[in-house]
Amino acid sequence: MILIEPLHPIKESVPADQVEEPLKHLEPKISWLREYLSQAKAIQEELRSLGYEKRVRLLEGVRRVWTEKLESGSLEVLKKELVKNTGYSELMVEEDLRFVAEVFKKENIDSLINSGLEGGVGSLDDFVEVAPGEYVSNLPAGPAFIIASGNSVIPPLIPTVTSLITNNLTILRPSLTNYIVIKEIFKTLEDLG
């Protein structure tokens, strides 16, 4: 099991009478961050050992499950909550939720990595020849802490997926507005992993 905690790690509960339901999310404690970040090298090595194809298959699995949930109507409550939280029209929220699948699509991830990284996807697993006698291998840059703001779920997803696919230990702190959707998306990843 890969230790991926892209959301607020809830280590303590808050009494229900003290906090309104949508805001029952605690920030990570410094002690948790220190402990988690101290495992960065081991986690990144574990991610890399999976290989690019397995990582991208997991993300493609998120796309498939998300699309099924969207088409079955099981995300209607989530959609209504997002409309209420953002003030966006239902149509705009539907488009945002529909676009989630595009972020997790293998072809889009491949294109992103191949155009942005010398050596492309192959360089994430091994050395790749980029010129005669010249080889490159891309290793994780280190822990990525993504702090997202705003209403749309897409802006926090793109750097998070990029960070995960490139073997980085990744912590995502979504905005309170889109937290419920981000949580649902990454719960799928956790279930698949």
C-alpha atoms as a PDB file:
ATOM      1  CA  MET A   1       0.000   0.000   0.000  1.00  0.00           C
ATOM      2  CA  ILE A   2       1.378   3.364  -0.988  1.00  0.00           C
ATOM      3  CA  LEU A   3       1.114   6.027   1.648  1.00  0.00           C
ATOM      4  CA  ILE A   4      -0.613   8.851  -0.198  1.00  0.00           C
ATOM      5  CA  GLU A   5      -2.414  11.424   1.888  1.00  0.00           C
ATOM      6  CA  PRO A   6      -3.365  14.223  -0.485  1.00  0.00           C
ATOM      7  CA  LEU A   7      -5.979  15.688   1.841  1.00  0.00           C
ATOM      8  CA  HIS A   8      -6.174  17.129   5.299  1.00  0.00           C
ATOM      9  CA  PRO A   9      -5.080  14.355   7.665  1.00  0.00           C
ATOM     10  CA  ILE A  10      -7.734  14.400  10.355  1.00  0.00           C
ATOM     11  CA  LYS A  11      -5.945  13.285  13.506  1.00  0.00           C
ATOM     12  CA  GLU A  12      -8.478  14.599  16.000  1.00  0.00           C
ATOM     13  CA  SER A  13     -12.217  15.004  15.870  1.00  0.00           C
ATOM     14  CA  VAL A  14     -14.014  18.256  16.466  1.00  0.00           C
ATOM     15  CA  PRO A  15     -17.215  18.144  18.520  1.00  0.00           C
ATOM     16  CA  ALA A  16     -20.162  18.369  16.115  1.00  0.00           C
ATOM     17  CA  ASP A  17     -21.739  21.257  17.998  1.00  0.00           C
ATOM     18  CA  GLN A  18     -18.633  23.433  17.551  1.00  0.00           C
ATOM     19  CA  VAL A  19     -18.192  23.404  13.785  1.00  0.00           C
ATOM     20  CA  GLU A  20     -20.645  23.561  10.906  1.00  0.00           C
ATOM     21  CA  GLU A  21     -20.719  20.371   8.800  1.00  0.00           C
ATOM     22  CA  PRO A  22     -18.962  21.662   5.644  1.00  0.00           C
ATOM     23  CA  LEU A  23     -16.070  23.039   7.716  1.00  0.00           C
ATOM     24  CA  LYS A  24     -15.197  19.889   9.691  1.00  0.00           C
ATOM     25  CA  HIS A  25     -11.691  19.727   8.292  1.00  0.00           C
ATOM     26  CA  LEU A  26      -8.597  20.157  10.404  1.00  0.00           C
ATOM     27  CA  GLU A  27      -5.280  21.450   9.176  1.00  0.00           C
ATOM     28  CA  PRO A  28      -2.296  19.119   9.324  1.00  0.00           C
ATOM     29  CA  LYS A  29      -0.335  19.411  12.526  1.00  0.00           C
ATOM     30  CA  ILE A  30       3.346  20.358  12.327  1.00  0.00           C
ATOM     31  CA  SER A  31       4.273  17.078  14.018  1.00  0.00           C
ATOM     32  CA  TRP A  32       2.367  15.129  11.348  1.00  0.00           C
ATOM     33  CA  LEU A  33       4.069  17.095   8.556  1.00  0.00           C
ATOM     34  CA  ARG A  34       7.528  16.482  10.041  1.00  0.00           C
ATOM     35  CA  GLU A  35       6.855  12.766  10.452  1.00  0.00           C
ATOM     36  CA  TYR A  36       5.353  12.430   6.982  1.00  0.00           C
ATOM     37  CA  LEU A  37       8.058  14.463   5.264  1.00  0.00           C
ATOM     38  CA  SER A  38      10.765  12.419   7.003  1.00  0.00           C
ATOM     39  CA  GLN A  39       9.461   9.444   4.981  1.00  0.00           C
ATOM     40  CA  ALA A  40       9.730  11.308   1.671  1.00  0.00           C
ATOM     41  CA  LYS A  41      12.696   9.409   0.250  1.00  0.00           C
ATOM     42  CA  ALA A  42      11.200   5.980   1.027  1.00  0.00           C
ATOM     43  CA  ILE A  43       7.784   6.946  -0.349  1.00  0.00           C
ATOM     44  CA  GLN A  44       9.295   8.392  -3.516  1.00  0.00           C
ATOM     45  CA  GLU A  45      11.393   5.247  -4.022  1.00  0.00           C
ATOM     46  CA  GLU A  46       8.255   3.132  -3.552  1.00  0.00           C
ATOM     47  CA  LEU A  47       6.366   5.231  -6.100  1.00  0.00           C
ATOM     48  CA  ARG A  48       9.235   4.938  -8.582  1.00  0.00           C
ATOM     49  CA  SER A  49       9.435   1.166  -8.057  1.00  0.00           C
ATOM     50  CA  LEU A  50       5.845   0.854  -9.280  1.00  0.00           C
ATOM     51  CA  GLY A  51       6.894   2.058 -12.702  1.00  0.00           C
ATOM     52  CA  TYR A  52       5.245   4.688 -14.844  1.00  0.00           C
ATOM     53  CA  GLU A  53       2.764   2.335 -16.503  1.00  0.00           C
ATOM     54  CA  LYS A  54       1.347   1.104 -13.187  1.00  0.00           C
ATOM     55  CA  ARG A  55       1.088   4.651 -11.806  1.00  0.00           C
ATOM     56  CA  VAL A  56      -0.661   5.887 -14.944  1.00  0.00           C
ATOM     57  CA  ARG A  57      -3.005   2.836 -14.871  1.00  0.00           C
ATOM     58  CA  LEU A  58      -3.999   3.774 -11.315  1.00  0.00           C
ATOM     59  CA  LEU A  59      -4.747   7.329 -12.415  1.00  0.00           C
ATOM     60  CA  GLU A  60      -6.619   6.026 -15.455  1.00  0.00           C
ATOM     61  CA  GLY A  61      -8.628   3.902 -12.987  1.00  0.00           C
ATOM     62  CA  VAL A  62      -9.593   7.083 -11.140  1.00  0.00           C
ATOM     63  CA  ARG A  63     -10.806   8.502 -14.470  1.00  0.00           C
ATOM     64  CA  ARG A  64     -12.895   5.404 -15.177  1.00  0.00           C
ATOM     65  CA  VAL A  65     -14.491   5.284 -11.701  1.00  0.00           C
ATOM     66  CA  TRP A  66     -15.103   9.058 -11.707  1.00  0.00           C
ATOM     67  CA  THR A  67     -16.800   8.870 -15.120  1.00  0.00           C
ATOM     68  CA  GLU A  68     -19.011   5.993 -13.929  1.00  0.00           C
ATOM     69  CA  LYS A  69     -20.019   7.945 -10.810  1.00  0.00           C
ATOM     70  CA  LEU A  70     -20.764  11.047 -12.865  1.00  0.00           C
ATOM     71  CA  GLU A  71     -22.842   9.159 -15.438  1.00  0.00           C
ATOM     72  CA  SER A  72     -24.746   7.157 -12.799  1.00  0.00           C
ATOM     73  CA  GLY A  73     -25.790  10.317 -10.958  1.00  0.00           C
ATOM     74  CA  SER A  74     -24.116   9.268  -7.714  1.00  0.00           C
ATOM     75  CA  LEU A  75     -22.336  12.644  -7.549  1.00  0.00           C
ATOM     76  CA  GLU A  76     -25.542  14.710  -7.620  1.00  0.00           C
ATOM     77  CA  VAL A  77     -25.355  15.618  -3.919  1.00  0.00           C
ATOM     78  CA  LEU A  78     -21.730  16.623  -4.356  1.00  0.00           C
ATOM     79  CA  LYS A  79     -22.636  18.703  -7.412  1.00  0.00           C
ATOM     80  CA  LYS A  80     -25.410  20.530  -5.539  1.00  0.00           C
ATOM     81  CA  GLU A  81     -23.051  21.218  -2.637  1.00  0.00           C
ATOM     82  CA  LEU A  82     -20.482  22.656  -5.047  1.00  0.00           C
ATOM     83  CA  VAL A  83     -23.133  24.864  -6.698  1.00  0.00           C
ATOM     84  CA  LYS A  84     -24.089  26.142  -3.243  1.00  0.00           C
ATOM     85  CA  ASN A  85     -20.478  26.665  -2.114  1.00  0.00           C
ATOM     86  CA  THR A  86     -19.215  28.349  -5.285  1.00  0.00           C
ATOM     87  CA  GLY A  87     -22.215  30.274  -6.556  1.00  0.00           C
ATOM     88  CA  TYR A  88     -21.502  28.789  -9.991  1.00  0.00           C
ATOM     89  CA  SER A  89     -24.350  27.634 -12.184  1.00  0.00           C
ATOM     90  CA  GLU A  90     -25.170  23.936 -12.211  1.00  0.00           C
ATOM     91  CA  LEU A  91     -24.046  23.764 -15.845  1.00  0.00           C
ATOM     92  CA  MET A  92     -20.648  25.255 -15.011  1.00  0.00           C
ATOM     93  CA  VAL A  93     -20.168  22.849 -12.083  1.00  0.00           C
ATOM     94  CA  GLU A  94     -21.137  19.920 -14.332  1.00  0.00           C
ATOM     95  CA  GLU A  95     -18.472  20.978 -16.850  1.00  0.00           C
ATOM     96  CA  ASP A  96     -15.880  21.274 -14.083  1.00  0.00           C
ATOM     97  CA  LEU A  97     -16.739  17.798 -12.788  1.00  0.00           C
ATOM     98  CA  ARG A  98     -16.765  16.340 -16.294  1.00  0.00           C
ATOM     99  CA  PHE A  99     -13.306  17.771 -16.976  1.00  0.00           C
ATOM    100  CA  VAL A 100     -11.878  15.870 -13.974  1.00  0.00           C
ATOM    101  CA  ALA A 101     -11.744  12.745 -16.149  1.00  0.00           C
ATOM    102  CA  GLU A 102      -9.541  14.575 -18.671  1.00  0.00           C
ATOM    103  CA  VAL A 103      -6.914  15.319 -16.018  1.00  0.00           C
ATOM    104  CA  PHE A 104      -6.623  11.585 -15.246  1.00  0.00           C
ATOM    105  CA  LYS A 105      -6.656  10.431 -18.889  1.00  0.00           C
ATOM    106  CA  LYS A 106      -3.519   8.482 -19.875  1.00  0.00           C
ATOM    107  CA  GLU A 107      -3.090  10.267 -23.208  1.00  0.00           C
ATOM    108  CA  ASN A 108      -3.177  13.669 -21.496  1.00  0.00           C
ATOM    109  CA  ILE A 109      -0.735  12.606 -18.775  1.00  0.00           C
ATOM    110  CA  ASP A 110       1.623  11.102 -21.383  1.00  0.00           C
ATOM    111  CA  SER A 111       1.446  14.296 -23.440  1.00  0.00           C
ATOM    112  CA  LEU A 112       2.136  16.491 -20.404  1.00  0.00           C
ATOM    113  CA  ILE A 113       5.176  14.476 -19.337  1.00  0.00           C
ATOM    114  CA  ASN A 114       6.543  13.942 -22.849  1.00  0.00           C
ATOM    115  CA  SER A 115       6.354  17.651 -23.658  1.00  0.00           C
ATOM    116  CA  GLY A 116       7.605  18.908 -20.305  1.00  0.00           C
ATOM    117  CA  LEU A 117      10.349  16.481 -19.340  1.00  0.00           C
ATOM    118  CA  GLU A 118      13.499  15.739 -21.302  1.00  0.00           C
ATOM    119  CA  GLY A 119      13.456  12.011 -21.912  1.00  0.00           C
ATOM    120  CA  GLY A 120       9.672  11.849 -21.515  1.00  0.00           C
ATOM    121  CA  VAL A 121       7.821   9.158 -19.603  1.00  0.00           C
ATOM    122  CA  GLY A 122      10.599   6.601 -20.023  1.00  0.00           C
ATOM    123  CA  SER A 123      13.010   8.799 -18.070  1.00  0.00           C
ATOM    124  CA  LEU A 124      10.868   8.470 -14.955  1.00  0.00           C
ATOM    125  CA  ASP A 125      11.741   4.763 -14.660  1.00  0.00           C
ATOM    126  CA  ASP A 126      15.211   4.484 -16.170  1.00  0.00           C
ATOM    127  CA  PHE A 127      17.944   6.196 -18.153  1.00  0.00           C
ATOM    128  CA  VAL A 128      16.826   7.182 -21.648  1.00  0.00           C
ATOM    129  CA  GLU A 129      19.086   8.167 -24.528  1.00  0.00           C
ATOM    130  CA  VAL A 130      18.265  11.751 -25.534  1.00  0.00           C
ATOM    131  CA  ALA A 131      21.192  12.208 -27.936  1.00  0.00           C
ATOM    132  CA  PRO A 132      23.880   9.841 -29.196  1.00  0.00           C
ATOM    133  CA  GLY A 133      25.716   8.680 -26.064  1.00  0.00           C
ATOM    134  CA  GLU A 134      23.782  11.103 -23.835  1.00  0.00           C
ATOM    135  CA  TYR A 135      21.364   9.681 -21.261  1.00  0.00           C
ATOM    136  CA  VAL A 136      18.954  11.211 -18.790  1.00  0.00           C
ATOM    137  CA  SER A 137      16.884   9.880 -15.901  1.00  0.00           C
ATOM    138  CA  ASN A 138      14.448  12.072 -14.001  1.00  0.00           C
ATOM    139  CA  LEU A 139      14.176  11.591 -10.255  1.00  0.00           C
ATOM    140  CA  PRO A 140      11.609  13.142  -7.915  1.00  0.00           C
ATOM    141  CA  ALA A 141      12.328  16.756  -7.040  1.00  0.00           C
ATOM    142  CA  GLY A 142      11.281  16.165  -3.473  1.00  0.00           C
ATOM    143  CA  PRO A 143       8.114  16.561  -1.498  1.00  0.00           C
ATOM    144  CA  ALA A 144       5.464  18.696  -3.160  1.00  0.00           C
ATOM    145  CA  PHE A 145       3.099  20.660  -0.941  1.00  0.00           C
ATOM    146  CA  ILE A 146       0.284  22.026  -3.085  1.00  0.00           C
ATOM    147  CA  ILE A 147      -1.912  24.690  -1.533  1.00  0.00           C
ATOM    148  CA  ALA A 148      -4.966  25.234  -3.677  1.00  0.00           C
ATOM    149  CA  SER A 149      -7.415  28.076  -3.588  1.00  0.00           C
ATOM    150  CA  GLY A 150     -10.463  28.879  -5.616  1.00  0.00           C
ATOM    151  CA  ASN A 151     -13.670  27.163  -6.559  1.00  0.00           C
ATOM    152  CA  SER A 152     -12.780  24.964  -9.526  1.00  0.00           C
ATOM    153  CA  VAL A 153     -11.470  21.465  -8.836  1.00  0.00           C
ATOM    154  CA  ILE A 154      -9.242  21.403 -11.927  1.00  0.00           C
ATOM    155  CA  PRO A 155      -6.422  23.809 -10.858  1.00  0.00           C
ATOM    156  CA  PRO A 156      -5.402  21.706  -7.826  1.00  0.00           C
ATOM    157  CA  LEU A 157      -5.713  18.442  -9.765  1.00  0.00           C
ATOM    158  CA  ILE A 158      -3.248  19.247 -12.546  1.00  0.00           C
ATOM    159  CA  PRO A 159      -0.181  19.863 -10.324  1.00  0.00           C
ATOM    160  CA  THR A 160      -1.190  17.029  -7.994  1.00  0.00           C
ATOM    161  CA  VAL A 161      -1.448  14.473 -10.794  1.00  0.00           C
ATOM    162  CA  THR A 162       1.807  15.791 -12.283  1.00  0.00           C
ATOM    163  CA  SER A 163       3.541  15.488  -8.921  1.00  0.00           C
ATOM    164  CA  LEU A 164       2.241  11.979  -8.262  1.00  0.00           C
ATOM    165  CA  ILE A 165       3.057  10.641 -11.724  1.00  0.00           C
ATOM    166  CA  THR A 166       6.621  11.984 -11.406  1.00  0.00           C
ATOM    167  CA  ASN A 167       7.120  10.036  -8.141  1.00  0.00           C
ATOM    168  CA  ASN A 168       6.929  12.920  -5.690  1.00  0.00           C
ATOM    169  CA  LEU A 169       5.594  12.606  -2.188  1.00  0.00           C
ATOM    170  CA  THR A 170       2.590  14.893  -2.561  1.00  0.00           C
ATOM    171  CA  ILE A 171       0.491  16.725  -0.022  1.00  0.00           C
ATOM    172  CA  LEU A 172      -2.517  18.595  -1.363  1.00  0.00           C
ATOM    173  CA  ARG A 173      -4.366  21.141   0.709  1.00  0.00           C
ATOM    174  CA  PRO A 174      -7.496  21.989  -1.283  1.00  0.00           C
ATOM    175  CA  SER A 175      -9.663  25.014  -0.642  1.00  0.00           C
ATOM    176  CA  LEU A 176     -12.616  24.604   1.689  1.00  0.00           C
ATOM    177  CA  THR A 177     -14.874  25.260  -1.293  1.00  0.00           C
ATOM    178  CA  ASN A 178     -13.678  22.319  -3.375  1.00  0.00           C
ATOM    179  CA  TYR A 179     -12.499  20.071  -0.526  1.00  0.00           C
ATOM    180  CA  ILE A 180     -15.490  17.725  -0.763  1.00  0.00           C
ATOM    181  CA  VAL A 181     -14.895  17.043  -4.456  1.00  0.00           C
ATOM    182  CA  ILE A 182     -11.119  16.658  -4.100  1.00  0.00           C
ATOM    183  CA  LYS A 183     -11.694  14.283  -1.188  1.00  0.00           C
ATOM    184  CA  GLU A 184     -14.067  12.167  -3.299  1.00  0.00           C
ATOM    185  CA  ILE A 185     -11.601  12.051  -6.199  1.00  0.00           C
ATOM    186  CA  PHE A 186      -8.649  10.958  -4.090  1.00  0.00           C
ATOM    187  CA  LYS A 187     -10.734   8.504  -2.089  1.00  0.00           C
ATOM    188  CA  THR A 188     -11.075   6.680  -5.414  1.00  0.00           C
ATOM    189  CA  LEU A 189      -7.282   6.624  -5.804  1.00  0.00           C
ATOM    190  CA  GLU A 190      -6.897   5.294  -2.286  1.00  0.00           C
ATOM    191  CA  ASP A 191      -9.513   2.580  -2.952  1.00  0.00           C
ATOM    192  CA  LEU A 192      -7.754   1.539  -6.179  1.00  0.00           C
ATOM    193  CA  GLY A 193      -4.249   1.595  -4.650  1.00  0.00           C
END
